C-alpha atoms as a PDB file:
ATOM      1  CA  UNK A   1      -7.483 -20.865 -13.541  1.00  0.00           C
ATOM      2  CA  UNK A   2     -11.193 -20.714 -12.930  1.00  0.00           C
ATOM      3  CA  UNK A   3     -12.877 -21.017  -9.568  1.00  0.00           C
ATOM      4  CA  UNK A   4     -16.490 -21.992 -10.058  1.00  0.00           C
ATOM      5  CA  UNK A   5     -17.551 -22.152  -6.411  1.00  0.00           C
ATOM      6  CA  UNK A   6     -20.572 -20.153  -5.380  1.00  0.00           C
ATOM      7  CA  UNK A   7     -19.380 -16.912  -3.793  1.00  0.00           C
ATOM      8  CA  UNK A   8     -19.310 -17.527  -0.003  1.00  0.00           C
ATOM      9  CA  UNK A   9     -19.724 -15.249   2.967  1.00  0.00           C
ATOM     10  CA  UNK A  10     -16.356 -13.481   3.043  1.00  0.00           C
ATOM     11  CA  UNK A  11     -17.069 -11.373   6.110  1.00  0.00           C
ATOM     12  CA  UNK A  12     -17.041 -13.942   8.909  1.00  0.00           C
ATOM     13  CA  UNK A  13     -13.793 -15.035  10.558  1.00  0.00           C
ATOM     14  CA  UNK A  14     -15.579 -17.928  12.254  1.00  0.00           C
ATOM     15  CA  UNK A  15     -16.062 -20.201   9.248  1.00  0.00           C
ATOM     16  CA  UNK A  16     -12.831 -20.266   7.219  1.00  0.00           C
ATOM     17  CA  UNK A  17     -13.629 -23.705   5.806  1.00  0.00           C
ATOM     18  CA  UNK A  18     -16.369 -22.210   3.610  1.00  0.00           C
ATOM     19  CA  UNK A  19     -13.795 -20.519   1.368  1.00  0.00           C
ATOM     20  CA  UNK A  20     -14.018 -21.373  -2.333  1.00  0.00           C
ATOM     21  CA  UNK A  21     -11.378 -23.696  -3.729  1.00  0.00           C
ATOM     22  CA  UNK A  22      -9.103 -21.017  -5.183  1.00  0.00           C
ATOM     23  CA  UNK A  23      -8.971 -18.911  -2.027  1.00  0.00           C
ATOM     24  CA  UNK A  24      -8.670 -21.936   0.257  1.00  0.00           C
ATOM     25  CA  UNK A  25      -5.729 -23.295  -1.743  1.00  0.00           C
ATOM     26  CA  UNK A  26      -4.030 -19.908  -1.710  1.00  0.00           C
ATOM     27  CA  UNK A  27      -4.665 -19.535   2.023  1.00  0.00           C
ATOM     28  CA  UNK A  28      -3.152 -22.955   2.744  1.00  0.00           C
ATOM     29  CA  UNK A  29      -0.068 -22.327   0.608  1.00  0.00           C
ATOM     30  CA  UNK A  30       0.480 -18.889   2.177  1.00  0.00           C
ATOM     31  CA  UNK A  31       0.238 -20.306   5.702  1.00  0.00           C
ATOM     32  CA  UNK A  32       2.685 -23.113   4.875  1.00  0.00           C
ATOM     33  CA  UNK A  33       5.146 -20.606   3.369  1.00  0.00           C
ATOM     34  CA  UNK A  34       5.301 -18.722   6.673  1.00  0.00           C
ATOM     35  CA  UNK A  35       7.993 -16.096   7.111  1.00  0.00           C
ATOM     36  CA  UNK A  36      11.560 -16.271   5.986  1.00  0.00           C
ATOM     37  CA  UNK A  37      13.527 -13.125   6.725  1.00  0.00           C
ATOM     38  CA  UNK A  38      14.290 -10.558   9.386  1.00  0.00           C
ATOM     39  CA  UNK A  39      11.329  -8.389   8.374  1.00  0.00           C
ATOM     40  CA  UNK A  40       8.920 -11.152   9.326  1.00  0.00           C
ATOM     41  CA  UNK A  41       7.449 -11.171   5.810  1.00  0.00           C
ATOM     42  CA  UNK A  42       7.534 -14.177   3.456  1.00  0.00           C
ATOM     43  CA  UNK A  43      10.464 -13.918   1.000  1.00  0.00           C
ATOM     44  CA  UNK A  44       8.231 -13.548  -2.050  1.00  0.00           C
ATOM     45  CA  UNK A  45      11.092 -12.001  -4.051  1.00  0.00           C
ATOM     46  CA  UNK A  46      12.840 -15.395  -3.990  1.00  0.00           C
ATOM     47  CA  UNK A  47       9.923 -17.404  -5.361  1.00  0.00           C
ATOM     48  CA  UNK A  48       9.303 -18.023  -9.045  1.00  0.00           C
ATOM     49  CA  UNK A  49       6.432 -20.520  -9.318  1.00  0.00           C
ATOM     50  CA  UNK A  50       4.319 -20.914 -12.460  1.00  0.00           C
ATOM     51  CA  UNK A  51       1.769 -18.191 -13.192  1.00  0.00           C
ATOM     52  CA  UNK A  52      -1.721 -19.637 -12.740  1.00  0.00           C
ATOM     53  CA  UNK A  53      -3.850 -16.769 -14.051  1.00  0.00           C
ATOM     54  CA  UNK A  54      -6.494 -14.808 -12.155  1.00  0.00           C
ATOM     55  CA  UNK A  55      -9.354 -15.877  -9.891  1.00  0.00           C
ATOM     56  CA  UNK A  56     -11.225 -12.578  -9.568  1.00  0.00           C
ATOM     57  CA  UNK A  57      -9.188 -10.848  -6.857  1.00  0.00           C
ATOM     58  CA  UNK A  58      -9.116  -7.055  -6.830  1.00  0.00           C
ATOM     59  CA  UNK A  59      -7.938  -4.292  -4.507  1.00  0.00           C
ATOM     60  CA  UNK A  60     -10.126  -1.212  -4.915  1.00  0.00           C
ATOM     61  CA  UNK A  61      -8.807   2.340  -4.750  1.00  0.00           C
ATOM     62  CA  UNK A  62     -10.086   2.636  -1.161  1.00  0.00           C
ATOM     63  CA  UNK A  63      -8.033  -0.393  -0.068  1.00  0.00           C
ATOM     64  CA  UNK A  64     -10.924  -2.891   0.104  1.00  0.00           C
ATOM     65  CA  UNK A  65     -10.154  -6.374  -1.197  1.00  0.00           C
ATOM     66  CA  UNK A  66     -12.719  -8.115  -3.406  1.00  0.00           C
ATOM     67  CA  UNK A  67     -13.166 -11.677  -4.600  1.00  0.00           C
ATOM     68  CA  UNK A  68     -15.372 -12.069  -7.685  1.00  0.00           C
ATOM     69  CA  UNK A  69     -17.167  -8.828  -6.857  1.00  0.00           C
ATOM     70  CA  UNK A  70     -17.738  -9.521  -3.146  1.00  0.00           C
ATOM     71  CA  UNK A  71     -15.739  -7.614  -0.504  1.00  0.00           C
ATOM     72  CA  UNK A  72     -13.459  -9.723   1.677  1.00  0.00           C
ATOM     73  CA  UNK A  73     -14.243  -8.594   5.197  1.00  0.00           C
ATOM     74  CA  UNK A  74     -12.097 -11.173   6.966  1.00  0.00           C
ATOM     75  CA  UNK A  75      -9.155  -9.050   8.028  1.00  0.00           C
ATOM     76  CA  UNK A  76      -6.919 -12.020   8.963  1.00  0.00           C
ATOM     77  CA  UNK A  77      -7.381 -13.366   5.434  1.00  0.00           C
ATOM     78  CA  UNK A  78      -6.673  -9.957   3.872  1.00  0.00           C
ATOM     79  CA  UNK A  79      -3.519  -9.590   5.991  1.00  0.00           C
ATOM     80  CA  UNK A  80      -2.357 -13.062   5.009  1.00  0.00           C
ATOM     81  CA  UNK A  81      -2.838 -12.375   1.303  1.00  0.00           C
ATOM     82  CA  UNK A  82      -1.230  -8.933   1.664  1.00  0.00           C
ATOM     83  CA  UNK A  83       1.888 -10.614   3.074  1.00  0.00           C
ATOM     84  CA  UNK A  84       2.395 -12.560  -0.181  1.00  0.00           C
ATOM     85  CA  UNK A  85       1.668  -9.644  -2.510  1.00  0.00           C
ATOM     86  CA  UNK A  86       4.362  -8.662  -5.018  1.00  0.00           C
ATOM     87  CA  UNK A  87       4.626  -6.173  -7.878  1.00  0.00           C
ATOM     88  CA  UNK A  88       6.212  -7.629 -10.993  1.00  0.00           C
ATOM     89  CA  UNK A  89       7.021  -5.504 -14.060  1.00  0.00           C
ATOM     90  CA  UNK A  90       3.779  -6.434 -15.820  1.00  0.00           C
ATOM     91  CA  UNK A  91       1.324  -7.129 -12.990  1.00  0.00           C
ATOM     92  CA  UNK A  92       0.570  -7.466  -9.298  1.00  0.00           C
ATOM     93  CA  UNK A  93       0.627 -11.059  -8.078  1.00  0.00           C
ATOM     94  CA  UNK A  94       0.060 -13.125  -4.954  1.00  0.00           C
ATOM     95  CA  UNK A  95       2.998 -15.503  -4.681  1.00  0.00           C
ATOM     96  CA  UNK A  96       3.626 -18.728  -2.801  1.00  0.00           C
ATOM     97  CA  UNK A  97       6.356 -21.287  -3.462  1.00  0.00           C
ATOM     98  CA  UNK A  98       3.917 -23.323  -5.569  1.00  0.00           C
ATOM     99  CA  UNK A  99       1.763 -20.826  -7.505  1.00  0.00           C
ATOM    100  CA  UNK A 100       1.428 -17.250  -8.639  1.00  0.00           C
ATOM    101  CA  UNK A 101      -2.022 -15.620  -8.927  1.00  0.00           C
ATOM    102  CA  UNK A 102      -2.743 -12.327 -10.688  1.00  0.00           C
ATOM    103  CA  UNK A 103      -4.593  -9.606  -8.787  1.00  0.00           C
ATOM    104  CA  UNK A 104      -6.047  -6.327 -10.062  1.00  0.00           C
ATOM    105  CA  UNK A 105      -5.010  -3.190  -8.168  1.00  0.00           C
ATOM    106  CA  UNK A 106      -6.989  -0.053  -8.992  1.00  0.00           C
ATOM    107  CA  UNK A 107      -4.538   2.451  -7.477  1.00  0.00           C
ATOM    108  CA  UNK A 108      -2.095   1.428  -4.741  1.00  0.00           C
ATOM    109  CA  UNK A 109      -2.310  -1.939  -2.958  1.00  0.00           C
ATOM    110  CA  UNK A 110      -2.291  -0.329   0.485  1.00  0.00           C
ATOM    111  CA  UNK A 111      -3.801   2.696   2.190  1.00  0.00           C
ATOM    112  CA  UNK A 112      -1.948   4.753   4.825  1.00  0.00           C
ATOM    113  CA  UNK A 113      -4.519   5.462   7.532  1.00  0.00           C
ATOM    114  CA  UNK A 114      -2.546   6.796  10.514  1.00  0.00           C
ATOM    115  CA  UNK A 115       0.456   9.093  10.937  1.00  0.00           C
ATOM    116  CA  UNK A 116       2.852   9.399  13.867  1.00  0.00           C
ATOM    117  CA  UNK A 117       5.958  11.479  14.542  1.00  0.00           C
ATOM    118  CA  UNK A 118       8.798   9.620  16.222  1.00  0.00           C
ATOM    119  CA  UNK A 119      12.343  10.375  17.318  1.00  0.00           C
ATOM    120  CA  UNK A 120      15.130   8.059  16.160  1.00  0.00           C
ATOM    121  CA  UNK A 121      18.854   8.762  16.616  1.00  0.00           C
ATOM    122  CA  UNK A 122      18.115  12.421  17.136  1.00  0.00           C
ATOM    123  CA  UNK A 123      16.078  12.672  13.941  1.00  0.00           C
ATOM    124  CA  UNK A 124      12.372  13.173  13.485  1.00  0.00           C
ATOM    125  CA  UNK A 125      10.827  10.252  11.632  1.00  0.00           C
ATOM    126  CA  UNK A 126       7.316  10.042  10.219  1.00  0.00           C
ATOM    127  CA  UNK A 127       5.617   6.659  10.493  1.00  0.00           C
ATOM    128  CA  UNK A 128       2.477   5.509   8.718  1.00  0.00           C
ATOM    129  CA  UNK A 129       0.173   2.649   9.658  1.00  0.00           C
ATOM    130  CA  UNK A 130      -1.405   0.913   6.691  1.00  0.00           C
ATOM    131  CA  UNK A 131      -4.880  -0.562   6.424  1.00  0.00           C
ATOM    132  CA  UNK A 132      -3.364  -4.007   7.096  1.00  0.00           C
ATOM    133  CA  UNK A 133      -1.634  -2.729  10.270  1.00  0.00           C
ATOM    134  CA  UNK A 134       1.927  -2.559   8.953  1.00  0.00           C
ATOM    135  CA  UNK A 135       3.978   0.392  10.239  1.00  0.00           C
ATOM    136  CA  UNK A 136       6.311   2.107   7.783  1.00  0.00           C
ATOM    137  CA  UNK A 137       8.900   4.709   8.799  1.00  0.00           C
ATOM    138  CA  UNK A 138       9.627   7.221   6.058  1.00  0.00           C
ATOM    139  CA  UNK A 139      13.315   7.244   5.073  1.00  0.00           C
ATOM    140  CA  UNK A 140      15.530   6.699   2.055  1.00  0.00           C
ATOM    141  CA  UNK A 141      14.325   3.105   1.667  1.00  0.00           C
ATOM    142  CA  UNK A 142      10.673   4.003   2.281  1.00  0.00           C
ATOM    143  CA  UNK A 143      10.282   7.331   0.494  1.00  0.00           C
ATOM    144  CA  UNK A 144       7.299   9.540  -0.031  1.00  0.00           C
ATOM    145  CA  UNK A 145       6.263  10.445  -3.552  1.00  0.00           C
ATOM    146  CA  UNK A 146       3.654  12.968  -4.602  1.00  0.00           C
ATOM    147  CA  UNK A 147       1.542  12.793  -7.757  1.00  0.00           C
ATOM    148  CA  UNK A 148      -1.066  15.080  -9.242  1.00  0.00           C
ATOM    149  CA  UNK A 149      -4.582  13.779  -8.954  1.00  0.00           C
ATOM    150  CA  UNK A 150      -7.844  15.029 -10.479  1.00  0.00           C
ATOM    151  CA  UNK A 151      -8.221  18.822 -10.503  1.00  0.00           C
ATOM    152  CA  UNK A 152      -4.461  19.186  -9.868  1.00  0.00           C
ATOM    153  CA  UNK A 153      -4.785  17.845  -6.340  1.00  0.00           C
ATOM    154  CA  UNK A 154      -1.817  16.166  -4.673  1.00  0.00           C
ATOM    155  CA  UNK A 155      -1.834  12.419  -4.025  1.00  0.00           C
ATOM    156  CA  UNK A 156       0.911  11.250  -1.656  1.00  0.00           C
ATOM    157  CA  UNK A 157       2.234   7.696  -1.546  1.00  0.00           C
ATOM    158  CA  UNK A 158       4.695   5.949   0.759  1.00  0.00           C
ATOM    159  CA  UNK A 159       6.680   2.868  -0.216  1.00  0.00           C
ATOM    160  CA  UNK A 160       5.819  -0.050   2.045  1.00  0.00           C
ATOM    161  CA  UNK A 161       8.205  -2.685   0.704  1.00  0.00           C
ATOM    162  CA  UNK A 162       9.645  -3.702  -2.637  1.00  0.00           C
ATOM    163  CA  UNK A 163       7.617  -1.873  -5.259  1.00  0.00           C
ATOM    164  CA  UNK A 164       4.443  -1.843  -3.152  1.00  0.00           C
ATOM    165  CA  UNK A 165       3.113   1.574  -2.161  1.00  0.00           C
ATOM    166  CA  UNK A 166       0.393   2.908   0.094  1.00  0.00           C
ATOM    167  CA  UNK A 167      -1.824   5.822  -0.873  1.00  0.00           C
ATOM    168  CA  UNK A 168      -1.938   8.322   1.997  1.00  0.00           C
ATOM    169  CA  UNK A 169      -5.500   9.218   2.966  1.00  0.00           C
ATOM    170  CA  UNK A 170      -6.592  12.761   2.252  1.00  0.00           C
ATOM    171  CA  UNK A 171      -6.932  13.716   5.923  1.00  0.00           C
ATOM    172  CA  UNK A 172      -3.301  12.723   6.506  1.00  0.00           C
ATOM    173  CA  UNK A 173      -2.163  14.884   3.602  1.00  0.00           C
ATOM    174  CA  UNK A 174      -3.401  17.915   5.492  1.00  0.00           C
ATOM    175  CA  UNK A 175      -1.300  16.751   8.457  1.00  0.00           C
ATOM    176  CA  UNK A 176       1.714  16.382   6.175  1.00  0.00           C
ATOM    177  CA  UNK A 177       1.250  19.902   4.825  1.00  0.00           C
ATOM    178  CA  UNK A 178       1.209  21.179   8.408  1.00  0.00           C
ATOM    179  CA  UNK A 179       4.625  19.539   8.899  1.00  0.00           C
ATOM    180  CA  UNK A 180       6.041  20.836   5.626  1.00  0.00           C
ATOM    181  CA  UNK A 181       9.117  23.047   5.327  1.00  0.00           C
ATOM    182  CA  UNK A 182      10.719  25.151   2.614  1.00  0.00           C
ATOM    183  CA  UNK A 183      14.119  24.139   1.307  1.00  0.00           C
ATOM    184  CA  UNK A 184      16.403  25.443  -1.409  1.00  0.00           C
ATOM    185  CA  UNK A 185      17.169  22.688  -3.898  1.00  0.00           C
ATOM    186  CA  UNK A 186      19.734  23.730  -6.517  1.00  0.00           C
ATOM    187  CA  UNK A 187      18.573  27.325  -6.268  1.00  0.00           C
ATOM    188  CA  UNK A 188      14.877  26.483  -6.436  1.00  0.00           C
ATOM    189  CA  UNK A 189      12.666  26.914  -3.381  1.00  0.00           C
ATOM    190  CA  UNK A 190      10.740  23.714  -2.752  1.00  0.00           C
ATOM    191  CA  UNK A 191       8.067  22.791  -0.229  1.00  0.00           C
ATOM    192  CA  UNK A 192       8.321  19.298   1.191  1.00  0.00           C
ATOM    193  CA  UNK A 193       8.579  16.900   4.091  1.00  0.00           C
ATOM    194  CA  UNK A 194      11.616  15.888   6.110  1.00  0.00           C
ATOM    195  CA  UNK A 195      11.825  12.466   7.738  1.00  0.00           C
ATOM    196  CA  UNK A 196      14.751  10.335   8.807  1.00  0.00           C
ATOM    197  CA  UNK A 197      17.201  12.926   7.556  1.00  0.00           C
ATOM    198  CA  UNK A 198      15.720  12.860   4.030  1.00  0.00           C
ATOM    199  CA  UNK A 199      13.784  15.600   2.264  1.00  0.00           C
ATOM    200  CA  UNK A 200      10.841  14.694   0.024  1.00  0.00           C
ATOM    201  CA  UNK A 201       9.695  17.520  -2.212  1.00  0.00           C
ATOM    202  CA  UNK A 202       5.974  18.010  -2.658  1.00  0.00           C
ATOM    203  CA  UNK A 203       5.926  20.964  -5.057  1.00  0.00           C
ATOM    204  CA  UNK A 204       7.562  24.223  -5.934  1.00  0.00           C
ATOM    205  CA  UNK A 205       6.997  26.709  -3.129  1.00  0.00           C
ATOM    206  CA  UNK A 206       4.989  28.946  -5.465  1.00  0.00           C
ATOM    207  CA  UNK A 207       2.801  26.035  -6.595  1.00  0.00           C
ATOM    208  CA  UNK A 208       2.134  25.058  -3.008  1.00  0.00           C
ATOM    209  CA  UNK A 209       0.994  28.580  -2.229  1.00  0.00           C
ATOM    210  CA  UNK A 210      -1.503  28.371  -5.084  1.00  0.00           C
ATOM    211  CA  UNK A 211      -2.801  25.022  -3.858  1.00  0.00           C
ATOM    212  CA  UNK A 212      -3.258  26.284  -0.317  1.00  0.00           C
ATOM    213  CA  UNK A 213      -5.146  29.315  -1.567  1.00  0.00           C
ATOM    214  CA  UNK A 214      -7.938  27.221  -2.960  1.00  0.00           C
ATOM    215  CA  UNK A 215      -6.892  25.301  -6.069  1.00  0.00           C
ATOM    216  CA  UNK A 216      -7.226  21.973  -4.245  1.00  0.00           C
ATOM    217  CA  UNK A 217      -4.752  20.451  -1.859  1.00  0.00           C
ATOM    218  CA  UNK A 218      -5.602  16.808  -2.377  1.00  0.00           C
ATOM    219  CA  UNK A 219      -7.382  14.402  -4.608  1.00  0.00           C
ATOM    220  CA  UNK A 220      -9.938  11.961  -3.276  1.00  0.00           C
ATOM    221  CA  UNK A 221      -8.515   9.138  -1.216  1.00  0.00           C
END
């Protein structure tokens, strides 16, 4: 589905009517869909509309949304589109009850930009705020995972919902390491993070020592 409108100013929240046809249609459908469950998010997992192709939407590795090469600086619009984002087996899509639009995601669709420690039922819980202002508490349903980035650095991710993850910013990784503990897992000493009564291994204790001694704690984020 092509959208041949001239690329508009996507940074002003004061003139939403200047959106190109594809974005305006998607915006209208997303607003009409509203919310439908206890989480306050639209029930995108229940919708199976026809796939309508791509219109030039992309989420860069730093969390910035783009439309046909231009950054979308309207945060309300980004938040609205983020609420209808879904990860299918073969692609990321924006879903409404009437259409499904493909979107390119360079790394993770969200970025974790703030970290808090909270107490819940006598347990310490870590909570992340994403770049679209969702708060996610780390637990069994919202786990942390750690991948190796360039130069063997560690890239942490937290599951936001469904199969959508947020890349944790590098500065927050250093905070996570500060909160890390050692734990014996099946006779192997692991270094990791505890939250909500769950333990999330980062690396073997010996590997973590090597990383902290100068082999690179984190990849760019």
